[in-house]
Amino acid sequence: MKFFVIIFLFLLGFFVNTLSYRIPRYDKYDGCARIHDEYVTTGTNFFDYEDVKDCYESFPFDNEIAFQTIETLNTLFDGFYSFLYKAKEPPPRGLDYRPMDLLVQLKLLLRKHYDTLFQFMKIKIFNDTIDPTNINCEVTHIDGRRTIKAISEFPSFISKDPGVRFNVAIDINYPGVTFFTRVDLPKTPSITYTLNCNNHVKCVKRNWKAIGIQEILDNFNNSETYFNNICKNSTLNYKLLSDKIIKIKDAHKNVYDIKSSKDITLLYEIVDFISFFKKQDFGVVKIMSENVPLNNTLAIEIIKGFQALVDTGVKKVVLDLSDNIGGFVVISNFINLLLFPNTKTFYDMDIRITKQLNPVLQDLVNVSEMVSAKNFKKFQYVGNLIGKNVLIRGGVKEHYSNRFILADPYDYKDLISQHLITPLPWKSADLIVLTNSLCGSSCALIAEGASEVNNVSTVAVGGFVNTPLSYASCQGGIAIDSTVIFNIISKLNLQNNTIMPKPFILGAKLNIPSSEFYSMKYSDKLLEYLYRPADFRLFYNEQSFRDRSILWSQAAALIGKNSKTYPG
């Protein structure tokens, strides 16, 4: 059923599945063994909920491992998390989250008892491969609860805006955790949906299925070998494994191929990155991701795409940033430089300088890629970065670095002038930013640069009726892999330093936001904690959910219109 694809990810070794176990006595034919036998016998990579549950719950709680894991998390957050004290402050108006002292909450985890680790709007069916007659039926209840409430309460880290979290929970294109795609074990083996199909009410039950991949399934045959070869394996490439899981999940999508629309012309494309279209009398720049390293060759290709759009003579352009979870900041800087060459759209950053970070800073960051936000001069050594700035966050006074811009975007200014035959003719009033609010990280910097600095209108799709919706999310900053931190600590022989985090005992990793972006409109405000609702709102229907180019037309029709704005 593809209002929800009823699967959860069986990556076998995710951090949440390995936090606090010890080696137990193993049942010779436990859930892990049954999974192995089914894989060997049938070659399947889909497995039953009960077998996975039995496999996961075969490892009893171990207090020593739990304590050491919490200690590692505590020192990682204390030393490297940029928003540690900001998170203690109440949310600004329009955002929704619980203020939290993370270090205190981590310690409270150890006080709980564990036997094992596992302890007015309408939602309609997008696709159901089991029973196609359910397509377009309204989902009124999920496990007896009203659908909107059940989905809106699903936890998501992607945004502090509840409307954005709701969008992500039901987004079939989002590669991470959603309501229907999990990395933790669901509480029940199935979900029951109450459907209203043309005034005929019926209940449909769908069982969870777990996905496995060869690199994991080939390396265990029971609980004991699973624990030893997977849980305790700190060399697993989690990104590679996650990417493979996502590809399996993607194979079960029925996403509309936007390039097949009759009235759309694809002008230029850099696969999995950016595409340029003409539809009717307007243009569309669809940016899927910024997760590509910028060099002269790629920069010239991007310029060619914009030039192809200019050559069509379109007067209006939709910047579609939907389902874009970000990538490299230098890409967003380059796009902003192309679109707005006469304004500064490169966001200032800083880093919380801590006693843990200071000794490893020179090895952790490349200061030669940093430019002073004050004078645009490149930093020569780490002392240029550290500075003497003191800020108060969450009532705590701490040392922060000098503000900087990551990579000098003006390095590409001469290249643009050489290869862009016709300067981009569009002014801010000729553009509009379209998102489904899932525009995070460096994507958010493109949206913010357009809206906040250059007054380009924004339109967000989805969310809750009669409630403003943010047009971007996760503007937090650059994340550091905990494995990189551990490796640098080892390289510098700091393993015995009591203030430094110790590596996780079991196979685990954590990406920690270590820097923060500042608003250009409100120079003392952090983008991550600034509420920025879109100027316009659109909502999906049966047609526009399947044909996203309908949203392009609706967004283009709003260009030049007076928006309903909300105070931020």
Protein backbone atom coordinates (compact mmCIF):
# COMPACT_ATOMS: atom_id res chain seq x y z
CA MET A 1 0.00 0.00 0.00
CA LYS A 2 1.56 3.26 -1.02
CA PHE A 3 -0.02 5.85 0.92
CA PHE A 4 2.50 3.91 2.97
CA VAL A 5 5.11 1.47 1.75
CA ILE A 6 4.85 -0.97 4.61
CA ILE A 7 8.48 -1.85 5.27
CA PHE A 8 11.11 -1.01 7.79
CA LEU A 9 14.84 -1.01 7.26
CA PHE A 10 16.72 -4.10 8.42
CA LEU A 11 20.23 -2.70 8.40
CA LEU A 12 21.38 -4.92 11.24
CA GLY A 13 23.88 -2.87 13.14
CA PHE A 14 22.34 0.58 13.34
CA PHE A 15 23.36 2.42 16.46
CA VAL A 16 19.97 2.14 18.11
CA ASN A 17 20.10 -1.63 17.74
CA THR A 18 23.50 -2.11 19.38
CA LEU A 19 23.61 0.32 22.28
CA SER A 20 23.59 -1.92 25.30
CA TYR A 21 23.90 -5.66 24.84
CA ARG A 22 26.19 -8.32 26.22
CA ILE A 23 26.84 -11.75 24.73
CA PRO A 24 24.09 -14.06 26.01
CA ARG A 25 23.36 -17.73 25.77
CA TYR A 26 22.10 -18.30 22.29
CA ASP A 27 19.18 -20.36 21.08
CA LYS A 28 20.40 -22.60 18.29
CA TYR A 29 17.39 -21.68 16.16
CA ASP A 30 16.68 -18.09 17.11
CA GLY A 31 15.23 -15.31 14.94
CA CYS A 32 18.62 -14.48 13.43
CA ALA A 33 19.06 -18.12 12.45
CA ARG A 34 15.60 -18.24 10.86
CA ILE A 35 16.42 -15.10 8.83
CA HIS A 36 19.66 -16.68 7.69
CA ASP A 37 17.93 -19.92 6.66
CA GLU A 38 15.23 -18.09 4.72
CA TYR A 39 17.88 -15.98 2.95
CA VAL A 40 19.97 -19.03 2.01
CA THR A 41 16.95 -21.08 0.96
CA THR A 42 14.95 -18.50 -1.01
CA GLY A 43 17.37 -15.63 -1.72
CA THR A 44 14.82 -13.12 -0.41
CA ASN A 45 15.82 -9.85 1.24
CA PHE A 46 12.41 -9.29 2.87
CA PHE A 47 11.85 -10.83 6.30
CA ASP A 48 8.99 -11.25 8.77
CA TYR A 49 8.54 -8.90 11.70
CA GLU A 50 8.49 -11.65 14.34
CA ASP A 51 11.82 -13.12 13.18
CA VAL A 52 13.49 -9.71 13.24
CA LYS A 53 11.99 -8.91 16.64
CA ASP A 54 13.22 -12.23 18.03
CA CYS A 55 16.67 -11.61 16.54
CA TYR A 56 16.97 -8.12 18.04
CA GLU A 57 15.63 -9.11 21.44
CA SER A 58 18.04 -12.01 21.84
CA PHE A 59 20.65 -9.69 23.34
CA PRO A 60 20.02 -8.82 27.02
CA PHE A 61 20.83 -5.46 28.51
CA ASP A 62 24.40 -4.85 29.72
CA ASN A 63 24.81 -1.98 32.16
CA GLU A 64 28.55 -1.55 31.54
CA ILE A 65 28.12 -1.11 27.80
CA ALA A 66 25.19 1.25 28.38
CA PHE A 67 27.21 3.38 30.79
CA GLN A 68 30.21 3.63 28.45
CA THR A 69 27.98 4.46 25.49
CA ILE A 70 26.23 7.26 27.39
CA GLU A 71 29.62 8.61 28.51
CA THR A 72 30.80 8.70 24.89
CA LEU A 73 27.65 10.51 23.81
CA ASN A 74 27.99 12.91 26.72
CA THR A 75 31.56 13.95 25.82
CA LEU A 76 30.74 14.13 22.10
CA PHE A 77 27.83 16.50 22.70
CA ASP A 78 29.69 18.49 25.34
CA GLY A 79 32.73 19.00 23.16
CA PHE A 80 31.46 19.13 19.60
CA TYR A 81 27.71 19.90 19.38
CA SER A 82 27.19 23.53 18.37
CA PHE A 83 23.62 23.85 19.74
CA LEU A 84 24.21 22.21 23.12
CA TYR A 85 23.13 25.23 25.16
CA LYS A 86 20.87 26.81 22.55
CA ALA A 87 18.71 23.68 22.84
CA LYS A 88 17.90 24.67 26.45
CA GLU A 89 16.12 27.86 25.36
CA PRO A 90 12.34 27.99 24.71
CA PRO A 91 11.34 27.73 21.02
CA PRO A 92 10.70 30.93 19.06
CA ARG A 93 7.09 31.63 18.06
CA GLY A 94 6.05 29.35 15.21
CA LEU A 95 8.45 26.50 16.04
CA ASP A 96 7.60 23.52 18.22
CA TYR A 97 10.08 21.51 20.26
CA ARG A 98 10.80 20.77 23.92
CA PRO A 99 13.72 22.74 25.40
CA MET A 100 16.23 20.23 26.70
CA ASP A 101 19.46 19.94 28.62
CA LEU A 102 20.92 17.13 26.56
CA LEU A 103 23.63 16.20 29.04
CA VAL A 104 21.09 15.80 31.85
CA GLN A 105 18.74 13.77 29.62
CA LEU A 106 21.55 11.40 28.65
CA LYS A 107 22.27 10.65 32.30
CA LEU A 108 18.57 10.04 32.96
CA LEU A 109 18.60 7.25 30.37
CA LEU A 110 20.69 5.15 32.72
CA ARG A 111 18.05 5.35 35.46
CA LYS A 112 15.47 3.49 33.38
CA HIS A 113 15.01 -0.26 33.58
CA TYR A 114 15.70 -2.30 30.44
CA ASP A 115 15.29 -6.01 29.80
CA THR A 116 16.37 -5.55 26.19
CA LEU A 117 16.94 -2.44 24.07
CA PHE A 118 13.48 -2.58 22.55
CA GLN A 119 11.56 -1.96 25.09
CA PHE A 120 -10.18 18.37 8.05
CA MET A 121 -7.40 17.34 6.01
CA LYS A 122 -7.58 14.05 4.17
CA ILE A 123 -4.90 11.42 3.67
CA LYS A 124 -5.41 9.15 0.68
CA ILE A 125 -3.80 6.02 -0.72
CA PHE A 126 -1.17 6.78 -3.35
CA ASN A 127 -0.64 3.16 -4.42
CA ASP A 128 -1.43 -0.33 -3.16
CA THR A 129 0.31 -3.18 -4.97
CA ILE A 130 -1.64 -5.77 -2.97
CA ASP A 131 -5.10 -4.37 -3.67
CA PRO A 132 -5.21 -1.60 -6.32
CA THR A 133 -8.88 -0.94 -5.57
CA ASN A 134 -7.70 0.93 -2.45
CA ILE A 135 -5.95 3.63 -4.50
CA ASN A 136 -7.37 7.11 -3.78
CA CYS A 137 -9.37 5.82 -0.81
CA GLU A 138 -9.29 8.14 2.19
CA VAL A 139 -7.42 6.86 5.26
CA THR A 140 -9.59 7.92 8.19
CA HIS A 141 -7.89 5.99 11.02
CA ILE A 142 -4.60 4.20 11.70
CA ASP A 143 -4.80 1.51 14.39
CA GLY A 144 -8.02 3.09 15.62
CA ARG A 145 -6.62 6.62 15.91
CA ARG A 146 -7.44 9.52 13.61
CA THR A 147 -4.95 9.54 10.75
CA ILE A 148 -3.74 13.13 11.12
CA LYS A 149 -3.08 12.65 14.83
CA ALA A 150 -1.30 9.32 14.36
CA ILE A 151 1.03 10.72 11.71
CA SER A 152 1.62 14.12 13.32
CA GLU A 153 2.83 12.47 16.53
CA PHE A 154 5.40 10.37 14.69
CA PRO A 155 8.86 11.56 15.90
CA SER A 156 11.13 13.22 13.35
CA PHE A 157 14.37 15.17 13.79
CA ILE A 158 14.23 16.93 10.44
CA SER A 159 12.63 20.19 11.59
CA LYS A 160 11.38 22.19 14.55
CA ASP A 161 8.25 23.06 12.51
CA PRO A 162 5.48 20.48 13.14
CA GLY A 163 4.09 20.98 9.62
CA VAL A 164 7.46 20.06 8.12
CA ARG A 165 7.66 16.97 10.30
CA PHE A 166 4.21 15.95 9.09
CA ASN A 167 5.30 16.35 5.45
CA VAL A 168 8.40 14.24 6.01
CA ALA A 169 6.44 11.50 7.78
CA ILE A 170 4.38 10.79 4.64
CA ASP A 171 6.94 11.71 1.96
CA ILE A 172 7.62 8.70 -0.28
CA ASN A 173 10.67 10.44 -1.77
CA TYR A 174 12.44 11.11 1.52
CA PRO A 175 15.37 8.68 1.90
CA GLY A 176 15.39 8.68 5.70
CA VAL A 177 13.01 7.63 8.46
CA THR A 178 9.30 8.17 7.73
CA PHE A 179 6.05 6.85 9.15
CA PHE A 180 6.24 3.88 6.78
CA THR A 181 10.01 3.33 6.66
CA ARG A 182 11.69 2.66 9.99
CA VAL A 183 15.15 1.87 11.30
CA ASP A 184 13.87 0.84 14.70
CA LEU A 185 11.57 -2.04 15.48
CA PRO A 186 7.86 -1.10 15.27
CA LYS A 187 5.86 -1.84 18.41
CA THR A 188 3.44 -4.15 16.59
CA PRO A 189 3.88 -6.56 13.66
CA SER A 190 1.23 -4.83 11.55
CA ILE A 191 -0.79 -1.66 11.03
CA THR A 192 -4.54 -1.56 10.46
CA TYR A 193 -5.89 1.21 8.23
CA THR A 194 -9.55 2.25 8.17
CA LEU A 195 -10.40 3.32 4.61
CA ASN A 196 -13.33 5.22 3.17
CA CYS A 197 -13.67 4.24 -0.49
CA ASN A 198 -16.57 6.14 -2.05
CA ASN A 199 -18.52 5.96 1.23
CA HIS A 200 -17.70 2.28 1.66
CA VAL A 201 -15.74 1.84 4.92
CA LYS A 202 -13.36 -1.09 5.33
CA CYS A 203 -10.31 -2.07 7.36
CA VAL A 204 -7.06 -3.18 5.77
CA LYS A 205 -4.19 -4.76 7.68
CA ARG A 206 -0.62 -4.58 6.35
CA ASN A 207 2.27 -6.47 7.94
CA TRP A 208 5.69 -4.89 8.41
CA LYS A 209 8.49 -6.39 6.33
CA ALA A 210 12.19 -5.96 7.01
CA ILE A 211 14.79 -5.41 4.30
CA GLY A 212 18.20 -7.05 4.39
CA ILE A 213 21.18 -6.70 2.07
CA GLN A 214 23.81 -9.17 0.99
CA GLU A 215 26.73 -7.54 2.81
CA ILE A 216 24.93 -8.12 6.10
CA LEU A 217 23.06 -11.36 5.42
CA ASP A 218 26.22 -13.17 4.29
CA ASN A 219 27.90 -12.53 7.65
CA PHE A 220 25.72 -14.26 10.23
CA ASN A 221 23.75 -17.46 10.66
CA ASN A 222 22.36 -17.04 14.18
CA SER A 223 22.21 -14.56 17.06
CA GLU A 224 25.76 -15.25 18.23
CA THR A 225 27.37 -14.61 14.84
CA TYR A 226 25.07 -11.63 14.27
CA PHE A 227 26.23 -10.05 17.52
CA ASN A 228 29.92 -10.79 16.92
CA ASN A 229 30.09 -10.01 13.20
CA ILE A 230 27.59 -7.15 12.94
CA CYS A 231 26.93 -5.50 16.32
CA LYS A 232 30.58 -5.52 17.37
CA ASN A 233 31.90 -4.64 13.91
CA SER A 234 33.11 -1.03 14.02
CA THR A 235 34.38 -1.15 10.42
CA LEU A 236 30.96 -1.37 8.76
CA ASN A 237 30.43 1.33 6.13
CA TYR A 238 27.05 2.59 7.34
CA LYS A 239 26.64 5.09 4.51
CA LEU A 240 27.22 2.42 1.86
CA LEU A 241 24.80 0.05 3.57
CA SER A 242 22.18 2.78 4.00
CA ASP A 243 22.47 3.74 0.33
CA LYS A 244 21.87 0.13 -0.70
CA ILE A 245 18.85 -0.14 1.59
CA ILE A 246 17.44 3.07 0.09
CA LYS A 247 17.87 1.68 -3.43
CA ILE A 248 15.86 -1.40 -2.48
CA LYS A 249 13.18 0.83 -0.96
CA ASP A 250 13.17 3.08 -4.03
CA ALA A 251 12.50 0.09 -6.25
CA HIS A 252 9.08 -0.13 -4.63
CA LYS A 253 8.08 3.44 -5.36
CA ASN A 254 5.66 4.54 -8.05
CA VAL A 255 6.88 8.10 -8.42
CA TYR A 256 5.67 10.09 -11.37
CA ASP A 257 8.29 10.62 -14.08
CA ILE A 258 8.05 14.35 -14.50
CA LYS A 259 10.04 14.35 -17.75
CA SER A 260 7.29 12.40 -19.50
CA SER A 261 4.73 15.23 -19.36
CA LYS A 262 3.66 16.35 -22.80
CA ASP A 263 3.97 20.07 -22.18
CA ILE A 264 7.43 19.89 -20.55
CA THR A 265 10.73 20.26 -22.37
CA LEU A 266 13.90 19.08 -20.67
CA LEU A 267 16.56 21.60 -21.65
CA TYR A 268 19.61 20.43 -19.73
CA GLU A 269 20.34 17.90 -17.01
CA ILE A 270 23.11 16.90 -14.63
CA VAL A 271 21.84 13.56 -13.35
CA ASP A 272 20.88 13.37 -9.66
CA PHE A 273 21.79 17.03 -9.21
CA ILE A 274 20.02 19.68 -11.28
CA SER A 275 17.64 19.82 -14.24
CA PHE A 276 16.36 22.71 -16.36
CA PHE A 277 12.88 22.60 -17.90
CA LYS A 278 10.55 24.76 -19.90
CA LYS A 279 6.83 24.31 -19.26
CA GLN A 280 4.33 26.45 -21.14
CA ASP A 281 5.70 30.01 -20.87
CA PHE A 282 7.89 29.62 -17.77
CA GLY A 283 11.10 27.88 -16.77
CA VAL A 284 11.88 25.49 -13.95
CA VAL A 285 15.19 24.84 -12.21
CA LYS A 286 14.80 21.58 -10.29
CA ILE A 287 17.65 21.03 -7.81
CA MET A 288 17.58 17.50 -6.38
CA SER A 289 20.67 17.74 -4.19
CA GLU A 290 23.85 19.72 -3.55
CA ASN A 291 25.75 16.57 -2.68
CA VAL A 292 28.27 16.93 -5.52
CA PRO A 293 31.77 18.42 -5.13
CA LEU A 294 32.19 21.64 -7.08
CA ASN A 295 35.02 22.05 -9.57
CA ASN A 296 35.50 24.08 -12.75
CA THR A 297 34.03 21.34 -14.96
CA LEU A 298 30.84 21.04 -12.91
CA ALA A 299 30.57 24.83 -12.58
CA ILE A 300 30.66 25.17 -16.37
CA GLU A 301 27.97 22.48 -16.71
CA ILE A 302 25.71 24.36 -14.29
CA ILE A 303 26.26 27.55 -16.27
CA LYS A 304 25.32 25.72 -19.48
CA GLY A 305 22.03 24.67 -17.90
CA PHE A 306 21.14 28.23 -16.91
CA GLN A 307 22.21 29.45 -20.36
CA ALA A 308 19.88 26.91 -22.00
CA LEU A 309 17.03 28.29 -19.90
CA VAL A 310 17.94 31.89 -20.78
CA ASP A 311 17.95 31.01 -24.49
CA THR A 312 14.28 29.97 -24.34
CA GLY A 313 13.32 33.55 -23.50
CA VAL A 314 11.17 32.60 -20.49
CA LYS A 315 10.28 35.55 -18.29
CA LYS A 316 9.38 33.62 -15.13
CA VAL A 317 11.29 30.85 -13.32
CA VAL A 318 10.28 28.39 -10.59
CA LEU A 319 13.13 27.20 -8.36
CA ASP A 320 11.92 23.76 -7.24
CA LEU A 321 13.85 22.73 -4.12
CA SER A 322 11.46 20.01 -2.92
CA ASP A 323 12.81 16.74 -1.49
CA ASN A 324 16.33 18.16 -1.30
CA ILE A 325 18.22 17.25 1.86
CA GLY A 326 21.32 19.26 1.00
CA GLY A 327 25.01 18.61 0.42
CA PHE A 328 28.01 20.89 -0.06
CA VAL A 329 27.75 24.52 1.05
CA VAL A 330 29.95 25.64 -1.85
CA ILE A 331 27.25 24.43 -4.28
CA SER A 332 24.61 26.63 -2.65
CA ASN A 333 27.06 29.54 -2.65
CA PHE A 334 27.69 29.04 -6.36
CA ILE A 335 23.98 28.83 -7.24
CA ASN A 336 23.32 32.00 -5.23
CA LEU A 337 26.20 33.76 -6.97
CA LEU A 338 24.74 32.87 -10.36
CA LEU A 339 21.21 33.98 -9.48
CA PHE A 340 22.10 37.06 -7.44
CA PRO A 341 25.54 38.33 -8.53
CA ASN A 342 25.03 41.77 -7.02
CA THR A 343 24.12 40.78 -3.46
CA LYS A 344 25.95 38.90 -0.70
CA THR A 345 24.14 35.60 -0.26
CA PHE A 346 26.87 33.66 1.53
CA TYR A 347 25.95 32.94 5.11
CA ASP A 348 28.22 33.59 8.08
CA MET A 349 29.11 30.63 10.30
CA ASP A 350 30.88 30.05 13.58
CA ILE A 351 31.93 27.15 15.80
CA ARG A 352 31.60 26.61 19.55
CA ILE A 353 35.18 26.41 20.81
CA THR A 354 35.39 23.92 23.68
CA LYS A 355 38.15 22.33 25.72
CA GLN A 356 37.60 19.09 23.79
CA LEU A 357 37.56 20.76 20.37
CA ASN A 358 40.58 23.04 20.83
CA PRO A 359 43.30 20.33 20.80
CA VAL A 360 41.90 18.66 17.65
CA LEU A 361 40.64 21.71 15.76
CA GLN A 362 43.60 22.03 13.42
CA ASP A 363 43.17 18.44 12.24
CA LEU A 364 39.38 18.56 12.21
CA VAL A 365 38.89 21.58 9.93
CA ASN A 366 40.67 22.88 6.86
CA VAL A 367 41.11 26.57 7.61
CA SER A 368 42.42 27.21 4.10
CA GLU A 369 38.84 26.68 2.88
CA MET A 370 37.50 29.33 5.26
CA VAL A 371 37.10 33.00 4.46
CA SER A 372 36.70 35.70 7.08
CA ALA A 373 33.10 36.99 7.10
CA LYS A 374 34.45 40.41 8.04
CA ASN A 375 36.92 41.07 5.22
CA PHE A 376 36.69 38.04 2.87
CA LYS A 377 40.35 37.19 3.46
CA LYS A 378 41.25 33.53 3.63
CA PHE A 379 42.32 32.19 7.00
CA GLN A 380 46.01 31.29 7.08
CA TYR A 381 46.13 29.29 10.30
CA VAL A 382 43.76 27.98 12.97
CA GLY A 383 44.34 31.03 15.18
CA ASN A 384 42.51 33.17 12.58
CA LEU A 385 39.46 31.01 13.21
CA ILE A 386 39.49 30.73 17.00
CA GLY A 387 39.19 34.42 17.86
CA LYS A 388 38.03 35.75 21.24
CA ASN A 389 34.24 35.88 20.95
CA VAL A 390 32.08 35.10 23.97
CA LEU A 391 28.33 34.42 23.61
CA ILE A 392 25.60 33.43 26.07
CA ARG A 393 23.35 30.55 24.99
CA GLY A 394 20.86 28.89 27.32
CA GLY A 395 22.25 30.95 30.19
CA VAL A 396 25.77 29.60 29.63
CA LYS A 397 28.69 31.83 28.62
CA GLU A 398 30.98 30.16 26.07
CA HIS A 399 33.75 30.83 23.58
CA TYR A 400 32.82 30.93 19.88
CA SER A 401 35.03 31.28 16.81
CA ASN A 402 35.32 34.25 14.49
CA ARG A 403 32.59 34.20 11.88
CA PHE A 404 33.57 32.74 8.53
CA ILE A 405 32.25 31.68 5.13
CA LEU A 406 33.03 28.15 4.03
CA ALA A 407 34.95 28.36 0.72
CA ASP A 408 35.33 31.60 -1.19
CA PRO A 409 32.44 31.72 -3.70
CA TYR A 410 34.08 34.61 -5.52
CA ASP A 411 36.74 32.17 -6.75
CA TYR A 412 34.20 31.30 -9.45
CA LYS A 413 33.19 34.83 -10.42
CA ASP A 414 35.67 35.06 -13.31
CA LEU A 415 34.62 31.62 -14.55
CA ILE A 416 30.97 32.72 -14.61
CA SER A 417 31.80 35.85 -16.60
CA GLN A 418 33.79 33.78 -19.11
CA HIS A 419 31.17 31.08 -19.72
CA LEU A 420 27.79 32.72 -19.13
CA ILE A 421 27.17 34.17 -22.59
CA THR A 422 23.99 36.01 -21.62
CA PRO A 423 23.66 37.30 -18.05
CA LEU A 424 20.66 35.85 -16.26
CA PRO A 425 17.84 38.30 -17.02
CA TRP A 426 15.51 37.45 -14.14
CA LYS A 427 14.98 39.80 -11.24
CA SER A 428 13.68 38.73 -7.84
CA ALA A 429 10.12 39.53 -8.90
CA ASP A 430 10.45 37.02 -11.78
CA LEU A 431 11.33 34.09 -9.50
CA ILE A 432 9.59 31.95 -6.92
CA VAL A 433 10.97 29.23 -4.62
CA LEU A 434 8.82 26.07 -4.44
CA THR A 435 9.41 23.50 -1.68
CA ASN A 436 7.57 20.85 0.25
CA SER A 437 9.58 22.17 3.23
CA LEU A 438 12.02 19.29 2.88
CA CYS A 439 14.78 21.63 1.77
CA GLY A 440 17.55 21.13 4.28
CA SER A 441 21.16 22.03 4.93
CA SER A 442 22.76 23.66 1.88
CA CYS A 443 19.42 23.57 0.03
CA ALA A 444 18.04 25.80 2.78
CA LEU A 445 20.85 28.28 2.10
CA ILE A 446 19.66 28.63 -1.51
CA ALA A 447 16.08 29.19 -0.33
CA GLU A 448 17.16 31.61 2.39
CA GLY A 449 19.46 33.49 0.03
CA ALA A 450 16.60 33.95 -2.41
CA SER A 451 13.95 34.89 0.15
CA GLU A 452 15.73 36.57 3.04
CA VAL A 453 18.30 38.55 1.07
CA ASN A 454 16.70 39.04 -2.35
CA ASN A 455 12.97 39.12 -1.52
CA VAL A 456 12.05 36.22 -3.80
CA SER A 457 8.60 34.86 -2.97
CA THR A 458 8.32 31.37 -1.49
CA VAL A 459 5.57 28.77 -1.69
CA ALA A 460 5.38 25.66 0.50
CA VAL A 461 3.31 22.56 -0.24
CA GLY A 462 1.50 20.44 2.35
CA GLY A 463 1.60 20.75 6.12
CA PHE A 464 -1.47 21.51 8.24
CA VAL A 465 -4.45 23.54 7.04
CA ASN A 466 -4.68 27.10 8.44
CA THR A 467 -1.16 26.86 9.89
CA PRO A 468 1.86 28.59 8.30
CA LEU A 469 4.57 26.27 6.98
CA SER A 470 8.33 26.81 6.82
CA TYR A 471 9.85 26.79 3.36
CA ALA A 472 13.17 25.28 4.52
CA SER A 473 14.51 23.11 7.33
CA CYS A 474 17.72 21.99 9.02
CA GLN A 475 19.75 25.14 8.41
CA GLY A 476 21.94 24.02 11.29
CA GLY A 477 25.44 23.78 9.87
CA ILE A 478 28.10 21.25 8.99
CA ALA A 479 28.08 17.86 10.69
CA ILE A 480 31.14 15.89 11.79
CA ASP A 481 31.27 12.10 11.77
CA SER A 482 32.12 10.79 15.25
CA THR A 483 34.45 8.25 13.62
CA VAL A 484 36.54 11.13 12.25
CA ILE A 485 36.76 12.62 15.76
CA PHE A 486 37.89 9.31 17.25
CA ASN A 487 40.51 8.85 14.52
CA ILE A 488 41.99 12.31 15.10
CA ILE A 489 42.08 11.75 18.87
CA SER A 490 44.00 8.53 18.23
CA LYS A 491 46.33 10.18 15.72
CA LEU A 492 47.22 12.89 18.26
CA ASN A 493 47.65 10.31 21.06
CA LEU A 494 44.89 11.88 23.14
CA GLN A 495 43.06 8.62 23.95
CA ASN A 496 43.99 8.82 27.62
CA ASN A 497 42.86 12.42 28.01
CA THR A 498 39.87 12.18 30.34
CA ILE A 499 37.96 15.02 28.66
CA MET A 500 38.04 13.32 25.25
CA PRO A 501 35.26 10.99 24.05
CA LYS A 502 36.09 7.30 23.89
CA PRO A 503 35.09 5.25 20.82
CA PHE A 504 31.81 3.34 21.01
CA ILE A 505 32.27 -0.22 22.21
CA LEU A 506 29.85 -1.59 19.65
CA GLY A 507 29.57 -0.67 15.98
CA ALA A 508 28.05 2.82 16.03
CA LYS A 509 28.50 6.33 14.69
CA LEU A 510 26.99 9.76 15.18
CA ASN A 511 26.93 12.84 12.95
CA ILE A 512 27.22 15.95 15.12
CA PRO A 513 26.40 19.49 13.89
CA SER A 514 29.54 21.38 14.83
CA SER A 515 28.92 24.78 13.27
CA GLU A 516 25.99 27.18 12.92
CA PHE A 517 24.69 29.61 10.30
CA TYR A 518 23.55 33.15 11.04
CA SER A 519 20.69 35.00 9.41
CA MET A 520 21.67 37.90 7.18
CA LYS A 521 18.47 39.79 7.93
CA TYR A 522 18.81 39.33 11.69
CA SER A 523 22.57 39.07 12.17
CA ASP A 524 22.40 37.82 15.78
CA LYS A 525 19.86 35.06 15.00
CA LEU A 526 20.71 31.48 14.11
CA LEU A 527 18.97 30.15 11.00
CA GLU A 528 18.26 26.86 12.75
CA TYR A 529 16.15 28.68 15.35
CA LEU A 530 14.52 31.28 13.10
CA TYR A 531 10.92 30.71 12.03
CA ARG A 532 10.57 31.45 8.31
CA PRO A 533 7.04 30.62 6.99
CA ALA A 534 6.44 30.60 3.25
CA ASP A 535 4.63 33.51 1.57
CA PHE A 536 2.16 31.22 -0.21
CA ARG A 537 0.67 27.77 0.41
CA LEU A 538 -0.36 24.94 -1.87
CA PHE A 539 -1.84 21.55 -1.01
CA TYR A 540 -1.59 18.23 -2.80
CA ASN A 541 -4.56 16.58 -4.46
CA GLU A 542 -4.84 13.27 -6.33
CA GLN A 543 -3.47 14.84 -9.51
CA SER A 544 -0.65 17.03 -8.18
CA PHE A 545 0.69 14.30 -5.90
CA ARG A 546 1.24 12.10 -8.95
CA ASP A 547 2.18 14.88 -11.37
CA ARG A 548 4.40 17.32 -9.50
CA SER A 549 4.62 19.55 -12.57
CA ILE A 550 1.07 20.70 -11.72
CA LEU A 551 2.64 22.36 -8.69
CA TRP A 552 5.10 24.10 -11.03
CA SER A 553 2.19 25.71 -12.87
CA GLN A 554 0.47 26.68 -9.65
CA ALA A 555 3.69 28.20 -8.29
CA ALA A 556 4.40 30.07 -11.54
CA ALA A 557 0.92 31.61 -11.37
CA LEU A 558 1.87 33.16 -8.01
CA ILE A 559 4.90 35.02 -9.35
CA GLY A 560 4.29 38.74 -9.03
CA LYS A 561 1.27 38.27 -6.76
CA ASN A 562 0.92 39.84 -3.33
CA SER A 563 1.51 37.20 -0.73
CA LYS A 564 -0.10 36.55 2.60
CA THR A 565 2.84 36.91 4.94
CA TYR A 566 3.15 35.72 8.50
CA PRO A 567 5.25 37.42 11.18
CA GLY A 568 8.47 35.56 11.92
